[in-house]
N, C-alpha and C. Protein backbone atom coordinates (compact mmCIF):
# COMPACT_ATOMS: atom_id res chain seq x y z
N PRO A 1 89.51 86.10 110.36
CA PRO A 1 88.90 84.71 109.73
C PRO A 1 90.19 84.17 109.08
N GLU A 2 90.97 84.94 108.37
CA GLU A 2 92.29 84.35 107.57
C GLU A 2 93.23 83.65 108.48
N LEU A 3 93.41 84.51 109.47
CA LEU A 3 94.36 84.03 110.69
C LEU A 3 93.86 82.64 111.22
N ARG A 4 92.65 82.48 111.33
CA ARG A 4 92.30 81.41 112.12
C ARG A 4 92.38 80.23 111.05
N ARG A 5 91.92 80.53 109.61
CA ARG A 5 92.08 79.39 108.63
C ARG A 5 93.72 79.10 108.72
N LYS A 6 94.61 79.94 108.76
CA LYS A 6 95.85 79.46 108.74
C LYS A 6 96.39 78.66 109.85
N SER A 7 95.87 79.10 111.10
CA SER A 7 96.28 78.48 112.33
C SER A 7 95.85 77.09 112.27
N ALA A 8 94.53 76.97 111.86
CA ALA A 8 93.92 75.67 111.80
C ALA A 8 94.53 74.75 111.04
N SER A 9 94.74 75.19 109.87
CA SER A 9 95.57 74.43 108.81
C SER A 9 97.00 74.02 109.33
N PHE A 10 97.74 74.81 110.19
CA PHE A 10 99.04 74.66 110.54
C PHE A 10 98.74 73.52 111.72
N LEU A 11 97.94 73.77 112.72
CA LEU A 11 97.82 73.04 113.90
C LEU A 11 97.09 71.61 113.53
N THR A 12 96.28 71.54 112.49
CA THR A 12 95.73 70.09 112.23
C THR A 12 96.94 69.26 111.55
N SER A 13 97.88 70.04 110.98
CA SER A 13 98.96 69.29 110.32
C SER A 13 99.74 68.70 111.46
N LEU A 14 99.98 69.13 112.55
CA LEU A 14 100.68 68.49 113.47
C LEU A 14 100.05 67.34 114.23
N GLY A 15 98.72 67.21 114.16
CA GLY A 15 98.13 65.93 114.68
C GLY A 15 97.90 65.94 116.18
N PHE A 16 97.53 67.05 116.73
CA PHE A 16 97.29 66.96 118.16
C PHE A 16 95.97 66.26 118.56
N ALA A 17 95.80 65.87 119.85
CA ALA A 17 94.74 65.03 120.11
C ALA A 17 93.56 65.88 120.31
N GLY A 18 93.53 67.02 120.20
CA GLY A 18 92.42 68.02 120.26
C GLY A 18 92.73 69.45 120.10
N TYR A 19 91.74 70.26 119.89
CA TYR A 19 91.93 71.56 119.56
C TYR A 19 91.08 72.35 120.39
N ALA A 20 91.88 73.73 120.78
CA ALA A 20 91.14 74.78 121.48
C ALA A 20 91.10 76.06 120.47
N ILE A 21 89.63 76.71 120.75
CA ILE A 21 89.29 77.72 120.12
C ILE A 21 89.31 78.81 120.98
N GLY A 22 90.11 79.86 120.91
CA GLY A 22 90.18 80.92 121.86
C GLY A 22 90.14 82.28 121.15
N GLY A 23 90.28 83.36 122.03
CA GLY A 23 90.09 84.59 121.62
C GLY A 23 88.70 84.98 121.27
N LEU A 24 88.03 84.46 121.71
CA LEU A 24 86.35 84.93 121.49
C LEU A 24 85.64 85.12 122.90
N SER A 25 84.62 85.72 122.68
CA SER A 25 83.69 85.86 124.00
C SER A 25 84.36 86.81 124.78
N LEU A 26 84.90 87.95 124.31
CA LEU A 26 85.86 89.06 125.06
C LEU A 26 85.10 90.37 124.80
N GLY A 27 83.89 90.31 124.55
CA GLY A 27 83.15 91.51 124.42
C GLY A 27 82.67 91.85 123.16
N GLU A 28 82.97 91.16 122.09
CA GLU A 28 82.45 91.35 120.74
C GLU A 28 80.93 90.78 120.65
N PRO A 29 80.17 91.30 119.76
CA PRO A 29 78.67 90.71 119.85
C PRO A 29 78.65 89.24 119.57
N LYS A 30 77.70 88.77 120.26
CA LYS A 30 77.43 87.21 120.22
C LYS A 30 77.43 86.56 118.93
N ALA A 31 76.88 87.24 117.88
CA ALA A 31 76.73 86.91 116.68
C ALA A 31 77.97 86.66 115.91
N LEU A 32 78.78 87.47 116.32
CA LEU A 32 80.31 87.38 115.67
C LEU A 32 81.01 86.31 116.37
N THR A 33 80.79 86.09 117.59
CA THR A 33 81.37 84.96 118.32
C THR A 33 80.99 83.81 117.68
N GLN A 34 79.59 83.50 117.45
CA GLN A 34 78.88 82.37 117.03
C GLN A 34 79.26 82.12 115.43
N ALA A 35 79.46 83.13 114.63
CA ALA A 35 80.06 83.07 113.26
C ALA A 35 81.38 82.61 113.46
N MET A 36 82.29 82.96 114.05
CA MET A 36 83.59 82.62 114.35
C MET A 36 83.72 81.12 114.83
N VAL A 37 83.13 80.81 115.59
CA VAL A 37 83.03 79.49 116.19
C VAL A 37 82.70 78.45 114.95
N GLU A 38 81.56 78.60 114.50
CA GLU A 38 81.18 77.77 113.11
C GLU A 38 82.17 77.64 112.31
N GLU A 39 82.78 78.88 111.85
CA GLU A 39 83.78 78.84 110.85
C GLU A 39 85.10 78.10 111.26
N THR A 40 85.48 78.28 112.50
CA THR A 40 86.72 77.51 112.97
C THR A 40 86.50 75.93 113.22
N VAL A 41 85.36 75.71 113.78
CA VAL A 41 84.99 74.24 114.03
C VAL A 41 85.06 73.23 112.53
N ALA A 42 84.52 74.08 111.52
CA ALA A 42 84.41 73.30 110.37
C ALA A 42 86.02 73.13 109.87
N LEU A 43 86.98 73.70 110.31
CA LEU A 43 88.27 73.66 109.75
C LEU A 43 89.05 72.40 110.69
N LEU A 44 88.42 72.04 111.80
CA LEU A 44 89.00 71.02 112.67
C LEU A 44 88.58 69.69 112.42
N PRO A 45 89.35 68.64 112.71
CA PRO A 45 88.85 67.20 112.67
C PRO A 45 87.69 67.05 113.50
N GLU A 46 86.64 66.40 112.87
CA GLU A 46 85.53 65.77 113.55
C GLU A 46 85.88 64.71 114.77
N ASP A 47 86.89 63.93 114.53
CA ASP A 47 87.07 62.87 115.41
C ASP A 47 88.11 63.19 116.62
N LYS A 48 88.44 64.68 116.73
CA LYS A 48 89.29 65.22 117.59
C LYS A 48 88.33 66.11 118.63
N PRO A 49 88.50 66.14 119.80
CA PRO A 49 87.64 67.11 120.77
C PRO A 49 88.14 68.73 120.19
N ARG A 50 87.02 69.21 120.17
CA ARG A 50 86.97 70.89 120.07
C ARG A 50 86.80 71.58 121.20
N TYR A 51 87.54 72.13 121.70
CA TYR A 51 87.43 72.90 123.20
C TYR A 51 87.22 74.50 122.95
N LEU A 52 85.94 74.94 123.40
CA LEU A 52 85.74 76.37 123.24
C LEU A 52 86.01 77.10 124.54
N MET A 53 87.10 77.87 124.57
CA MET A 53 87.73 78.44 125.92
C MET A 53 86.70 79.85 126.11
N GLY A 54 86.43 79.87 127.40
CA GLY A 54 85.86 81.05 127.94
C GLY A 54 84.26 81.41 127.68
N VAL A 55 83.77 80.35 126.95
CA VAL A 55 82.32 80.56 126.69
C VAL A 55 81.50 79.68 127.57
N GLY A 56 80.47 80.33 128.34
CA GLY A 56 79.87 79.67 129.32
C GLY A 56 78.47 79.89 129.51
N SER A 57 77.71 80.77 128.95
CA SER A 57 76.22 80.98 129.06
C SER A 57 75.50 79.61 128.71
N PRO A 58 74.37 79.27 129.25
CA PRO A 58 73.65 78.14 128.91
C PRO A 58 73.11 78.23 127.30
N GLU A 59 72.97 79.34 126.79
CA GLU A 59 72.46 79.48 125.38
C GLU A 59 73.59 79.32 124.54
N ASP A 60 74.76 79.74 124.93
CA ASP A 60 76.01 79.73 124.15
C ASP A 60 76.58 78.31 124.14
N ILE A 61 76.43 77.46 125.18
CA ILE A 61 76.82 76.20 125.23
C ILE A 61 76.10 75.33 124.28
N VAL A 62 74.77 75.66 124.36
CA VAL A 62 73.56 74.87 123.44
C VAL A 62 74.14 75.13 122.05
N LYS A 63 74.25 76.37 121.53
CA LYS A 63 74.65 76.70 120.30
C LYS A 63 76.07 76.18 119.82
N GLY A 64 76.88 76.18 120.97
CA GLY A 64 78.31 75.76 120.51
C GLY A 64 78.27 74.25 120.23
N VAL A 65 77.35 73.35 121.18
CA VAL A 65 77.27 71.95 120.80
C VAL A 65 76.56 71.80 119.44
N ASP A 66 75.82 72.57 119.16
CA ASP A 66 75.20 72.55 117.71
C ASP A 66 76.14 72.79 116.64
N ARG A 67 77.17 73.44 116.88
CA ARG A 67 78.04 73.89 115.89
C ARG A 67 79.23 72.88 116.06
N GLY A 68 79.19 72.00 116.80
CA GLY A 68 80.46 70.85 117.04
C GLY A 68 81.39 70.99 118.00
N VAL A 69 81.13 71.90 118.96
CA VAL A 69 82.16 71.91 120.11
C VAL A 69 81.84 70.88 121.14
N ASP A 70 82.93 70.21 121.67
CA ASP A 70 82.81 69.21 122.57
C ASP A 70 83.06 69.66 124.04
N ILE A 71 84.01 70.43 124.17
CA ILE A 71 84.35 71.05 125.58
C ILE A 71 84.21 72.55 125.89
N PHE A 72 83.80 72.88 126.86
CA PHE A 72 83.69 74.32 127.50
C PHE A 72 84.46 74.62 128.84
N ASP A 73 84.86 75.70 129.03
CA ASP A 73 85.18 75.90 130.43
C ASP A 73 85.11 77.59 130.47
N SER A 74 84.50 77.91 131.74
CA SER A 74 84.15 79.27 131.86
C SER A 74 83.85 79.55 133.33
N ALA A 75 84.24 80.68 133.90
CA ALA A 75 83.72 81.23 135.25
C ALA A 75 82.57 81.74 135.23
N PHE A 76 81.88 81.67 134.00
CA PHE A 76 80.71 82.38 133.95
C PHE A 76 79.48 81.84 135.09
N PRO A 77 79.34 80.77 135.34
CA PRO A 77 78.12 80.49 136.25
C PRO A 77 78.59 81.11 137.74
N THR A 78 79.73 81.00 138.07
CA THR A 78 80.21 81.60 139.37
C THR A 78 80.21 83.13 139.38
N GLN A 79 80.66 83.59 138.29
CA GLN A 79 80.72 85.00 138.27
C GLN A 79 79.18 85.74 138.29
N ILE A 80 78.28 85.21 137.58
CA ILE A 80 76.97 85.74 137.51
C ILE A 80 76.41 85.58 138.89
N ALA A 81 76.58 84.40 139.45
CA ALA A 81 75.95 84.10 140.54
C ALA A 81 76.51 85.03 141.71
N ARG A 82 77.53 85.35 141.73
CA ARG A 82 77.94 86.45 142.70
C ARG A 82 77.32 87.83 142.51
N LYS A 83 76.79 88.08 141.39
CA LYS A 83 76.31 89.44 141.00
C LYS A 83 74.72 89.12 141.20
N GLY A 84 74.22 88.03 141.52
CA GLY A 84 72.76 88.14 141.90
C GLY A 84 72.05 87.31 140.75
N ALA A 85 72.82 86.83 139.48
CA ALA A 85 71.90 86.22 138.46
C ALA A 85 71.62 84.71 138.89
N ILE A 86 70.57 84.44 138.61
CA ILE A 86 70.18 83.09 139.00
C ILE A 86 69.82 82.58 137.47
N LEU A 87 70.26 81.15 137.22
CA LEU A 87 69.97 80.61 136.08
C LEU A 87 68.91 79.52 136.19
N THR A 88 67.77 79.45 135.43
CA THR A 88 66.93 78.74 135.54
C THR A 88 66.52 78.13 133.92
N TRP A 89 65.64 77.27 133.80
CA TRP A 89 65.37 76.64 132.38
C TRP A 89 64.58 77.70 131.61
N ARG A 90 64.06 78.63 132.40
CA ARG A 90 63.35 79.80 131.82
C ARG A 90 64.27 80.94 131.36
N GLY A 91 65.58 81.09 131.81
CA GLY A 91 66.55 82.05 131.41
C GLY A 91 67.06 82.53 132.72
N ARG A 92 67.73 83.64 132.67
CA ARG A 92 68.48 84.19 133.75
C ARG A 92 67.57 85.26 134.40
N PHE A 93 67.57 85.28 135.71
CA PHE A 93 66.99 86.37 136.31
C PHE A 93 67.89 87.03 137.44
N ASN A 94 67.49 88.26 137.79
CA ASN A 94 68.46 89.03 139.03
C ASN A 94 67.54 88.94 140.30
N ILE A 95 68.20 88.19 141.13
CA ILE A 95 67.50 87.88 142.34
C ILE A 95 67.43 89.14 143.41
N ARG A 96 68.02 90.09 143.00
CA ARG A 96 68.07 91.37 143.88
C ARG A 96 67.01 92.22 143.34
N ASN A 97 66.22 91.90 142.30
CA ASN A 97 64.95 92.51 141.87
C ASN A 97 63.83 92.37 143.01
N SER A 98 63.36 93.47 143.47
CA SER A 98 62.17 93.35 144.31
C SER A 98 60.92 92.43 144.16
N THR A 99 60.84 92.05 142.92
CA THR A 99 59.70 91.23 142.45
C THR A 99 60.03 90.02 143.42
N TYR A 100 61.31 89.29 143.72
CA TYR A 100 61.45 88.23 144.22
C TYR A 100 61.49 88.13 145.89
N SER A 101 60.98 89.57 146.34
CA SER A 101 61.16 89.44 147.86
C SER A 101 60.14 88.67 148.71
N GLN A 102 58.98 88.16 147.75
CA GLN A 102 57.89 87.61 148.56
C GLN A 102 57.65 86.19 147.77
N VAL A 103 58.69 85.57 147.06
CA VAL A 103 58.40 84.36 146.31
C VAL A 103 58.88 83.33 147.45
N GLY A 104 57.92 82.36 148.04
CA GLY A 104 58.48 81.57 148.88
C GLY A 104 58.87 80.26 148.43
N ASP A 105 58.79 80.13 147.00
CA ASP A 105 59.17 78.79 146.38
C ASP A 105 60.82 78.63 146.36
N PRO A 106 61.32 77.54 145.99
CA PRO A 106 62.69 77.59 145.67
C PRO A 106 62.85 78.11 144.26
N ILE A 107 64.17 78.14 143.83
CA ILE A 107 64.48 78.78 142.41
C ILE A 107 63.82 77.88 141.40
N ASP A 108 64.05 76.52 141.59
CA ASP A 108 63.48 75.61 140.56
C ASP A 108 62.99 74.28 141.47
N PRO A 109 61.72 74.07 141.57
CA PRO A 109 61.29 72.94 142.49
C PRO A 109 61.82 71.46 142.04
N ASP A 110 62.25 71.43 140.83
CA ASP A 110 62.59 70.22 140.23
C ASP A 110 64.18 70.07 140.34
N CYS A 111 64.88 71.11 140.81
CA CYS A 111 66.47 71.21 141.10
C CYS A 111 66.65 70.57 142.59
N ASP A 112 67.56 69.60 142.31
CA ASP A 112 67.97 68.90 143.72
C ASP A 112 69.16 69.46 144.39
N CYS A 113 69.60 70.70 143.90
CA CYS A 113 70.80 71.32 144.58
C CYS A 113 70.48 71.74 146.20
N TYR A 114 71.57 71.89 146.70
CA TYR A 114 71.36 72.23 148.29
C TYR A 114 70.51 73.39 148.34
N THR A 115 70.73 74.41 147.58
CA THR A 115 70.09 75.76 147.57
C THR A 115 68.49 75.42 147.29
N CYS A 116 68.23 74.90 146.21
CA CYS A 116 66.65 74.54 145.97
C CYS A 116 66.09 73.81 147.00
N ARG A 117 66.85 72.84 147.57
CA ARG A 117 66.15 71.98 148.49
C ARG A 117 65.99 72.76 149.80
N ASN A 118 66.65 73.83 150.23
CA ASN A 118 66.65 74.50 151.67
C ASN A 118 66.06 75.86 151.51
N PHE A 119 66.09 76.57 150.68
CA PHE A 119 66.13 77.87 150.63
C PHE A 119 64.91 78.50 149.72
N SER A 120 64.17 79.55 149.94
CA SER A 120 63.14 80.10 149.26
C SER A 120 63.86 81.24 148.23
N VAL A 121 63.30 81.63 147.05
CA VAL A 121 63.78 82.74 146.44
C VAL A 121 63.75 83.88 147.27
N ALA A 122 62.85 84.17 148.02
CA ALA A 122 62.66 85.40 148.95
C ALA A 122 63.80 85.35 149.85
N TYR A 123 64.42 84.46 150.55
CA TYR A 123 65.43 84.16 151.53
C TYR A 123 66.75 84.51 150.74
N LEU A 124 66.86 84.10 149.47
CA LEU A 124 68.02 84.46 148.72
C LEU A 124 67.93 86.03 148.44
N HIS A 125 66.81 86.58 147.94
CA HIS A 125 66.71 87.96 147.84
C HIS A 125 67.10 88.70 149.01
N HIS A 126 66.73 88.33 150.07
CA HIS A 126 67.04 89.01 151.47
C HIS A 126 68.65 88.90 151.71
N LEU A 127 69.15 87.59 151.49
CA LEU A 127 70.61 87.64 151.50
C LEU A 127 71.18 88.65 150.82
N PHE A 128 70.87 88.57 149.49
CA PHE A 128 71.52 89.69 148.55
C PHE A 128 71.36 91.11 149.14
N ARG A 129 70.20 91.46 149.54
CA ARG A 129 69.89 92.97 149.82
C ARG A 129 70.69 93.10 151.22
N CYS A 130 71.04 92.22 151.89
CA CYS A 130 71.85 92.37 153.26
C CYS A 130 73.29 92.36 152.97
N GLU A 131 73.68 91.82 151.78
CA GLU A 131 75.12 91.40 151.32
C GLU A 131 75.46 90.67 152.14
N GLU A 132 74.81 89.51 152.70
CA GLU A 132 75.30 88.42 153.47
C GLU A 132 76.08 87.62 152.56
N LEU A 133 77.30 87.29 153.00
CA LEU A 133 78.21 86.30 152.07
C LEU A 133 77.55 85.06 151.77
N LEU A 134 76.57 84.47 152.64
CA LEU A 134 75.85 83.21 152.23
C LEU A 134 75.34 83.27 150.83
N ALA A 135 74.82 84.56 150.41
CA ALA A 135 74.08 84.61 149.15
C ALA A 135 74.83 84.17 148.09
N TYR A 136 76.25 84.43 148.03
CA TYR A 136 77.04 84.27 147.12
C TYR A 136 77.30 82.77 146.84
N ARG A 137 77.32 82.20 147.99
CA ARG A 137 77.63 80.68 147.96
C ARG A 137 76.53 79.92 147.47
N LEU A 138 75.33 80.20 148.10
CA LEU A 138 74.08 79.71 147.60
C LEU A 138 73.71 79.76 146.26
N THR A 139 73.95 80.91 145.54
CA THR A 139 73.59 81.08 144.24
C THR A 139 74.74 80.44 143.28
N THR A 140 75.87 80.28 143.82
CA THR A 140 77.01 79.73 143.20
C THR A 140 76.60 78.02 142.99
N LEU A 141 76.18 77.79 144.20
CA LEU A 141 76.05 76.09 144.17
C LEU A 141 74.68 75.83 143.33
N HIS A 142 73.81 76.74 143.17
CA HIS A 142 72.77 76.46 142.25
C HIS A 142 73.25 76.84 140.92
N SER A 143 73.94 77.73 140.54
CA SER A 143 74.50 77.84 139.07
C SER A 143 75.26 76.64 138.62
N LEU A 144 76.13 76.05 139.43
CA LEU A 144 77.04 74.97 139.20
C LEU A 144 75.98 73.79 138.92
N SER A 145 75.19 73.51 139.68
CA SER A 145 74.10 72.52 139.74
C SER A 145 73.45 72.59 138.49
N PHE A 146 72.89 73.87 138.06
CA PHE A 146 72.17 74.00 136.77
C PHE A 146 72.96 73.53 135.62
N MET A 147 74.30 74.01 135.67
CA MET A 147 75.09 73.91 134.58
C MET A 147 75.43 72.19 134.25
N ASN A 148 75.45 71.49 135.39
CA ASN A 148 75.73 70.30 135.35
C ASN A 148 74.50 69.49 134.96
N ASN A 149 73.40 69.96 135.33
CA ASN A 149 72.20 69.36 134.72
C ASN A 149 71.97 69.63 133.28
N LEU A 150 72.34 70.96 132.83
CA LEU A 150 72.32 71.31 131.45
C LEU A 150 73.19 70.31 130.48
N MET A 151 74.36 70.16 131.07
CA MET A 151 75.52 69.25 130.30
C MET A 151 74.88 67.77 130.38
N ASN A 152 74.18 67.43 131.45
CA ASN A 152 73.58 65.93 131.36
C ASN A 152 72.52 65.90 130.32
N LYS A 153 71.74 66.81 130.17
CA LYS A 153 70.47 66.72 129.45
C LYS A 153 71.07 66.91 127.91
N ILE A 154 72.13 67.74 127.70
CA ILE A 154 72.70 67.68 126.32
C ILE A 154 73.28 66.26 125.87
N ARG A 155 74.06 65.94 126.79
CA ARG A 155 74.78 64.56 126.61
C ARG A 155 73.58 63.36 126.41
N GLY A 156 72.65 63.48 127.27
CA GLY A 156 71.62 62.33 126.99
C GLY A 156 70.77 62.79 125.55
N ALA A 157 70.62 63.93 125.21
CA ALA A 157 70.07 64.26 124.02
C ALA A 157 71.01 63.61 122.67
N ILE A 158 72.22 63.75 122.99
CA ILE A 158 72.92 63.51 122.00
C ILE A 158 72.98 61.97 121.76
N ILE A 159 73.29 61.36 122.85
CA ILE A 159 73.02 59.75 122.88
C ILE A 159 71.91 59.22 122.32
N ASN A 160 70.73 59.88 122.84
CA ASN A 160 69.39 59.39 121.98
C ASN A 160 69.00 60.05 120.91
N GLY A 161 69.88 60.75 120.27
CA GLY A 161 69.64 61.17 118.76
C GLY A 161 68.63 62.28 118.83
N THR A 162 68.39 62.93 120.11
CA THR A 162 67.29 64.11 120.08
C THR A 162 67.80 65.36 120.25
N PHE A 163 69.07 65.63 119.91
CA PHE A 163 69.96 66.83 120.27
C PHE A 163 69.04 68.06 119.64
N ASN A 164 68.67 67.87 118.37
CA ASN A 164 68.12 69.04 117.47
C ASN A 164 66.86 69.45 118.20
N SER A 165 65.99 68.56 118.74
CA SER A 165 64.83 68.69 119.30
C SER A 165 64.96 69.29 120.78
N PHE A 166 66.05 68.90 121.53
CA PHE A 166 66.46 69.62 122.87
C PHE A 166 66.88 71.08 122.52
N ARG A 167 67.55 71.08 121.63
CA ARG A 167 68.20 72.46 121.38
C ARG A 167 67.16 73.49 121.01
N ASP A 168 66.10 73.02 120.01
CA ASP A 168 65.12 73.83 119.80
C ASP A 168 64.16 74.28 120.99
N SER A 169 63.91 73.25 121.90
CA SER A 169 62.96 73.35 122.80
C SER A 169 63.64 74.47 123.85
N PHE A 170 65.03 74.02 124.14
CA PHE A 170 65.80 74.92 125.14
C PHE A 170 65.63 76.40 124.88
N LEU A 171 66.17 76.63 123.39
CA LEU A 171 66.31 78.03 122.99
C LEU A 171 65.09 78.64 122.90
N ALA A 172 64.01 77.87 122.67
CA ALA A 172 62.42 78.61 122.62
C ALA A 172 61.99 79.01 124.07
N ASN A 173 62.41 78.30 125.16
CA ASN A 173 62.11 78.52 126.50
C ASN A 173 63.03 79.29 127.32
N TYR A 174 64.17 79.40 126.87
CA TYR A 174 65.33 80.20 127.50
C TYR A 174 65.34 81.56 127.22
N ARG A 175 65.01 82.49 128.01
CA ARG A 175 64.85 83.94 127.79
C ARG A 175 66.25 84.21 128.05
N SER A 176 67.15 84.72 126.97
CA SER A 176 68.38 85.28 126.85
C SER A 176 68.42 86.76 127.52
N SER A 177 69.37 87.17 128.10
CA SER A 177 69.45 88.28 128.64
C SER A 177 69.74 89.33 127.41
N ASP A 178 69.51 90.61 127.71
CA ASP A 178 69.77 91.52 126.57
C ASP A 178 71.36 91.82 126.54
N GLU A 179 71.91 92.39 125.60
CA GLU A 179 73.35 92.43 125.46
C GLU A 179 73.76 93.49 126.83
N LYS A 180 73.04 94.36 127.09
CA LYS A 180 73.34 95.43 128.10
C LYS A 180 73.66 94.67 129.40
N LEU A 181 72.52 93.86 129.79
CA LEU A 181 72.58 93.29 131.07
C LEU A 181 73.66 91.94 131.10
N ARG A 182 73.72 91.42 129.88
CA ARG A 182 74.66 90.38 129.84
C ARG A 182 76.12 90.73 130.23
N LEU A 183 76.59 91.89 129.52
CA LEU A 183 77.78 92.40 129.87
C LEU A 183 78.23 92.75 131.30
N THR A 184 77.11 93.51 131.89
CA THR A 184 77.16 93.89 133.29
C THR A 184 77.17 92.86 134.19
N GLN A 185 76.77 91.51 133.70
CA GLN A 185 76.64 90.23 134.79
C GLN A 185 77.83 89.48 134.38
N ARG A 186 78.87 89.76 133.60
CA ARG A 186 79.79 88.87 133.23
C ARG A 186 80.88 88.87 134.50
C-alpha cells in the first residue's frame, strides 16, 4: 500500500491524462485485489480516467466501476470461453458438465449474439465433448457479446443515475465461481 501511495502521489503530480492501476489480479485473493483498487482509486484524480489492468470478470468489473474505475481490459472472456465457461446473467457455468447435454434452449434467449440465435446449449456441450474447434469460437462470440451487453447496461445505469440499484441487482443474481474454479478457468 505504501508504494502505491508514493507512486500515485508522484504520477498525479505529473498531470497525466489518465492513470493505470496494475499489478493486481495475479492470483491474490479477490478481497485483497478489491481493497487495493479501492485504496488506489481514492488517490487518483476523479476527473481523469482510471484504468484497471487485467481485471475482467463480470462481478469484478461491476465492483470496479462501483469503486471508481472507468476502463478495463482483460483476456478473461476469451480465456474462459475456450475452457468451456459460459457467462450468463445468473453467473458462470461449465458447458462441459453433462447437465447441459439435453438443454435445447440457447444460452440466453434474450441474447442476440450469433451463438444464442443459432445454437442450443446441448449442441455447444456436444462440440466441447468432441473437442470441435467451433466450440471455442461460438463460446468466445457469446462471452464477448455478454461483456459488451454488461458494459452497455453499466453505462446506461450510470447515465440514468441507477447504478447502485443495478449493482445490487446484478451482484444478487450473479453466482460467482468459487475461488478454486475461478483459478482453473483463468
